[in-house]
Amino acid sequence: MKRLCSLILVLCFLLSFLTGCGESSSLIRYDISHRVTNLDPQFATAETDQMVIHNLFEGLLRQLPDGSIENALAEDWSISDDGLTYIFHLKQDARWHSGQAITADDFVFAFRRIFNALSPSPYAQHYLFLQGAKSILENNTNVANLGVRAPDDYTLEFHLAQADSSFPEKLCHSSAMPCNEEFFNETRGKYGSTLKTTAACGPFFLNLWDSKKLYIKKNNS
């Protein structure tokens, strides 16, 4: 059995079904095997980091334990007959923990980060079927040529160079989760590495993070 280190992940959330006991909240303690060091969805690769990220973030879609896929931040979506264009309409009430609206531009920026010419994401190879992706990586062409577009705040388009039936499943991965450009720039290169530079748009937000434990609380946004 793998020895567990002292790092503890604590989930703190409101349990509305608790009645007659005078309690308004509950804690779940979960021991994890390695220290969490990176909560940047586009770059984190460690299993423990990924586990926390999937509690802090939502993507367009989410994959259930049985393998089926359901909408997360997407209200609805469609695929063209040739499988080369995916159009997503975002939920307009979705918010970052800060209260700022989540928009299609947050997804465009996230995918452009994946194909940053100076430091591409380790997941860039998963999305080479996107229009412009290979040229950006191999020829250092403008990342704006990537086939990810935001016609308006709540419409997101993906244009593929070749069809990939696994694309919806890949959109459930942490690398496909949104990234707010303004907040990212404010972190000055420390995005996802400290409490104050970690964003949240999922069921929980990060409330404490030190060398021994993390506290994540229910995100009512």
Protein backbone atom coordinates (compact mmCIF):
# COMPACT_ATOMS: atom_id res chain seq x y z
CA MET A 1 0.00 0.00 0.00
CA LYS A 2 1.32 3.41 -0.93
CA ARG A 3 2.25 5.38 2.18
CA LEU A 4 0.21 8.54 2.59
CA CYS A 5 2.02 11.75 3.48
CA SER A 6 0.63 14.33 5.85
CA LEU A 7 -1.08 16.48 3.21
CA ILE A 8 -4.81 16.74 3.81
CA LEU A 9 -7.53 17.94 1.51
CA VAL A 10 -10.60 19.16 3.37
CA LEU A 11 -13.86 19.81 1.57
CA CYS A 12 -16.10 22.25 3.41
CA PHE A 13 -19.63 22.65 2.09
CA LEU A 14 -23.13 23.45 3.27
CA LEU A 15 -25.44 20.49 3.73
CA SER A 16 -28.94 21.84 3.37
CA PHE A 17 -30.46 18.51 4.28
CA LEU A 18 -29.11 18.63 7.85
CA THR A 19 -32.12 19.38 10.03
CA GLY A 20 -32.80 19.23 13.73
CA CYS A 21 -29.14 19.12 14.66
CA GLY A 22 -28.30 22.82 14.66
CA GLU A 23 -25.45 22.33 12.17
CA SER A 24 -25.08 24.40 9.02
CA SER A 25 -21.91 22.85 7.60
CA SER A 26 -19.87 19.68 7.51
CA LEU A 27 -16.27 18.71 6.76
CA ILE A 28 -14.91 15.84 4.74
CA ARG A 29 -11.27 14.95 5.31
CA TYR A 30 -9.44 13.23 2.48
CA ASP A 31 -5.81 12.13 2.74
CA ILE A 32 -3.85 12.43 -0.50
CA SER A 33 -0.54 10.88 -1.38
CA HIS A 34 1.49 13.81 -2.68
CA ARG A 35 1.84 17.52 -2.07
CA VAL A 36 -0.24 19.71 -4.36
CA THR A 37 2.05 22.14 -6.21
CA ASN A 38 0.26 23.28 -9.37
CA LEU A 39 -3.41 24.24 -9.79
CA ASP A 40 -3.09 25.65 -13.30
CA PRO A 41 -5.58 23.56 -15.34
CA GLN A 42 -3.72 24.01 -18.64
CA PHE A 43 -0.39 22.79 -17.24
CA ALA A 44 -0.89 20.64 -14.12
CA THR A 45 -0.11 16.97 -14.72
CA ALA A 46 0.15 15.36 -11.26
CA GLU A 47 -2.78 13.19 -10.21
CA THR A 48 -3.27 14.98 -6.89
CA ASP A 49 -3.18 18.40 -8.59
CA GLN A 50 -5.75 17.18 -11.11
CA MET A 51 -8.04 15.94 -8.36
CA VAL A 52 -8.15 19.37 -6.72
CA ILE A 53 -8.53 21.17 -10.06
CA HIS A 54 -11.62 19.13 -10.90
CA ASN A 55 -13.19 20.38 -7.67
CA LEU A 56 -12.28 24.01 -8.36
CA PHE A 57 -13.15 24.23 -12.05
CA GLU A 58 -15.85 23.36 -14.54
CA GLY A 59 -15.37 23.02 -18.27
CA LEU A 60 -17.89 23.06 -21.08
CA LEU A 61 -18.68 19.40 -20.43
CA ARG A 62 -18.13 16.89 -17.66
CA GLN A 63 -17.69 13.12 -17.78
CA LEU A 64 -19.63 10.98 -15.33
CA PRO A 65 -18.24 7.84 -13.66
CA ASP A 66 -20.08 5.63 -16.16
CA GLY A 67 -18.30 7.38 -19.04
CA SER A 68 -21.27 9.39 -20.26
CA ILE A 69 -20.87 13.11 -20.92
CA GLU A 70 -23.20 15.88 -19.79
CA ASN A 71 -23.29 19.67 -20.02
CA ALA A 72 -21.33 21.63 -17.43
CA LEU A 73 -20.84 25.31 -18.35
CA ALA A 74 -22.40 24.63 -21.74
CA GLU A 75 -26.13 25.23 -22.04
CA ASP A 76 -26.26 23.31 -25.32
CA TRP A 77 -23.99 22.43 -28.24
CA SER A 78 -24.02 21.12 -31.78
CA ILE A 79 -21.69 19.45 -34.29
CA SER A 80 -21.67 20.08 -38.02
CA ASP A 81 -22.42 17.16 -40.35
CA ASP A 82 -18.76 16.87 -41.36
CA GLY A 83 -17.62 16.85 -37.71
CA LEU A 84 -15.37 19.85 -38.22
CA THR A 85 -17.30 22.56 -36.37
CA TYR A 86 -18.51 22.48 -32.78
CA ILE A 87 -20.67 25.32 -31.49
CA PHE A 88 -21.31 25.78 -27.76
CA HIS A 89 -23.73 28.16 -26.07
CA LEU A 90 -22.64 28.96 -22.53
CA LYS A 91 -24.82 29.29 -19.48
CA GLN A 92 -25.23 33.02 -18.93
CA ASP A 93 -25.48 32.77 -15.14
CA ALA A 94 -22.10 31.04 -14.71
CA ARG A 95 -19.66 33.00 -12.57
CA TRP A 96 -16.08 32.89 -11.41
CA HIS A 97 -15.72 32.83 -7.63
CA SER A 98 -14.95 36.55 -7.84
CA GLY A 99 -18.46 37.08 -9.22
CA GLN A 100 -17.27 37.92 -12.73
CA ALA A 101 -19.20 36.31 -15.56
CA ILE A 102 -17.61 33.37 -17.37
CA THR A 103 -17.55 34.13 -21.09
CA ALA A 104 -16.50 32.43 -24.30
CA ASP A 105 -13.34 34.56 -24.32
CA ASP A 106 -12.19 32.71 -21.19
CA PHE A 107 -12.15 29.48 -23.20
CA VAL A 108 -10.45 31.10 -26.19
CA PHE A 109 -7.68 32.40 -23.92
CA ALA A 110 -7.31 28.99 -22.24
CA PHE A 111 -6.76 27.22 -25.56
CA ARG A 112 -4.35 29.88 -26.76
CA ARG A 113 -2.34 29.30 -23.59
CA ILE A 114 -2.11 25.62 -24.49
CA PHE A 115 -0.38 26.59 -27.75
CA ASN A 116 1.89 29.30 -26.35
CA ALA A 117 4.93 29.14 -28.63
CA LEU A 118 7.43 29.87 -25.84
CA SER A 119 6.00 27.33 -23.41
CA PRO A 120 3.29 25.07 -24.85
CA SER A 121 1.13 23.01 -22.53
CA PRO A 122 1.97 19.31 -22.07
CA TYR A 123 -1.55 18.73 -23.40
CA ALA A 124 -1.02 20.53 -26.73
CA GLN A 125 -0.62 17.21 -28.53
CA HIS A 126 -4.18 16.30 -27.52
CA TYR A 127 -5.60 19.15 -29.62
CA LEU A 128 -3.51 19.06 -32.78
CA PHE A 129 -6.68 18.43 -34.80
CA LEU A 130 -7.75 22.06 -34.23
CA GLN A 131 -7.30 24.39 -37.18
CA GLY A 132 -3.94 26.12 -37.05
CA ALA A 133 -2.63 24.06 -34.12
CA LYS A 134 0.21 22.25 -35.92
CA SER A 135 1.41 25.40 -37.63
CA ILE A 136 1.47 27.31 -34.35
CA LEU A 137 3.63 24.65 -32.70
CA GLU A 138 5.88 23.82 -35.64
CA ASN A 139 6.20 27.19 -37.39
CA ASN A 140 5.51 29.62 -34.55
CA THR A 141 2.59 31.20 -36.40
CA ASN A 142 0.22 33.58 -34.61
CA VAL A 143 -1.81 31.84 -31.90
CA ALA A 144 -4.78 33.95 -33.01
CA ASN A 145 -4.99 31.57 -35.99
CA LEU A 146 -6.07 28.74 -33.70
CA GLY A 147 -9.52 27.44 -34.59
CA VAL A 148 -11.20 28.59 -31.40
CA ARG A 149 -13.47 31.62 -31.75
CA ALA A 150 -15.89 33.65 -29.64
CA PRO A 151 -18.48 35.37 -31.90
CA ASP A 152 -20.07 36.82 -28.76
CA ASP A 153 -19.79 36.52 -24.98
CA TYR A 154 -21.75 33.29 -24.74
CA THR A 155 -21.05 31.54 -28.04
CA LEU A 156 -17.90 29.47 -28.55
CA GLU A 157 -16.83 27.87 -31.82
CA PHE A 158 -14.22 25.19 -32.41
CA HIS A 159 -13.03 24.66 -35.98
CA LEU A 160 -11.20 21.41 -36.63
CA ALA A 161 -8.74 20.59 -39.40
CA GLN A 162 -9.80 16.97 -39.13
CA ALA A 163 -12.68 15.30 -37.34
CA ASP A 164 -12.00 13.77 -33.93
CA SER A 165 -14.85 11.83 -32.34
CA SER A 166 -13.11 11.96 -28.95
CA PHE A 167 -13.21 15.77 -28.84
CA PRO A 168 -16.21 15.98 -26.45
CA GLU A 169 -14.38 13.69 -24.01
CA LYS A 170 -11.23 15.81 -24.28
CA LEU A 171 -13.31 18.87 -23.41
CA CYS A 172 -13.94 17.27 -20.01
CA HIS A 173 -10.21 17.40 -19.23
CA SER A 174 -8.73 20.11 -17.03
CA SER A 175 -6.75 21.57 -19.93
CA ALA A 176 -10.03 22.57 -21.60
CA MET A 177 -11.26 24.55 -18.60
CA PRO A 178 -11.59 28.34 -18.88
CA CYS A 179 -8.93 30.87 -17.91
CA ASN A 180 -9.75 34.53 -17.34
CA GLU A 181 -7.08 36.60 -19.12
CA GLU A 182 -7.34 39.61 -16.82
CA PHE A 183 -6.92 37.52 -13.67
CA PHE A 184 -4.12 35.50 -15.28
CA ASN A 185 -2.16 38.64 -16.11
CA GLU A 186 -2.62 39.95 -12.57
CA THR A 187 -0.86 36.86 -11.18
CA ARG A 188 2.38 37.85 -12.96
CA GLY A 189 3.45 34.34 -13.85
CA LYS A 190 2.24 32.67 -10.65
CA TYR A 191 -1.15 31.49 -11.88
CA GLY A 192 -2.29 28.42 -9.96
CA SER A 193 0.74 28.31 -7.66
CA THR A 194 -0.58 30.14 -4.57
CA LEU A 195 -3.87 30.70 -2.79
CA LYS A 196 -4.30 34.23 -4.15
CA THR A 197 -3.33 33.32 -7.71
CA THR A 198 -5.69 30.35 -8.04
CA ALA A 199 -9.04 30.89 -9.72
CA ALA A 200 -12.25 28.88 -9.30
CA CYS A 201 -15.38 28.45 -11.38
CA GLY A 202 -16.52 25.04 -10.18
CA PRO A 203 -18.33 23.58 -7.17
CA PHE A 204 -15.64 24.71 -4.71
CA PHE A 205 -13.08 27.48 -4.27
CA LEU A 206 -9.71 27.39 -2.55
CA ASN A 207 -9.89 28.79 0.98
CA LEU A 208 -6.51 27.75 2.43
CA TRP A 209 -3.38 26.21 0.95
CA ASP A 210 -0.20 25.53 2.87
CA SER A 211 2.41 22.77 3.03
CA LYS A 212 0.19 20.42 5.03
CA LYS A 213 -3.37 20.93 3.90
CA LEU A 214 -5.89 22.55 1.61
CA TYR A 215 -9.34 23.79 2.50
CA ILE A 216 -11.83 24.14 -0.31
CA LYS A 217 -15.25 25.60 0.39
CA LYS A 218 -18.53 25.40 -1.48
CA ASN A 219 -18.75 27.96 -4.26
CA ASN A 220 -22.20 29.53 -4.08
CA SER A 221 -21.53 31.44 -7.31
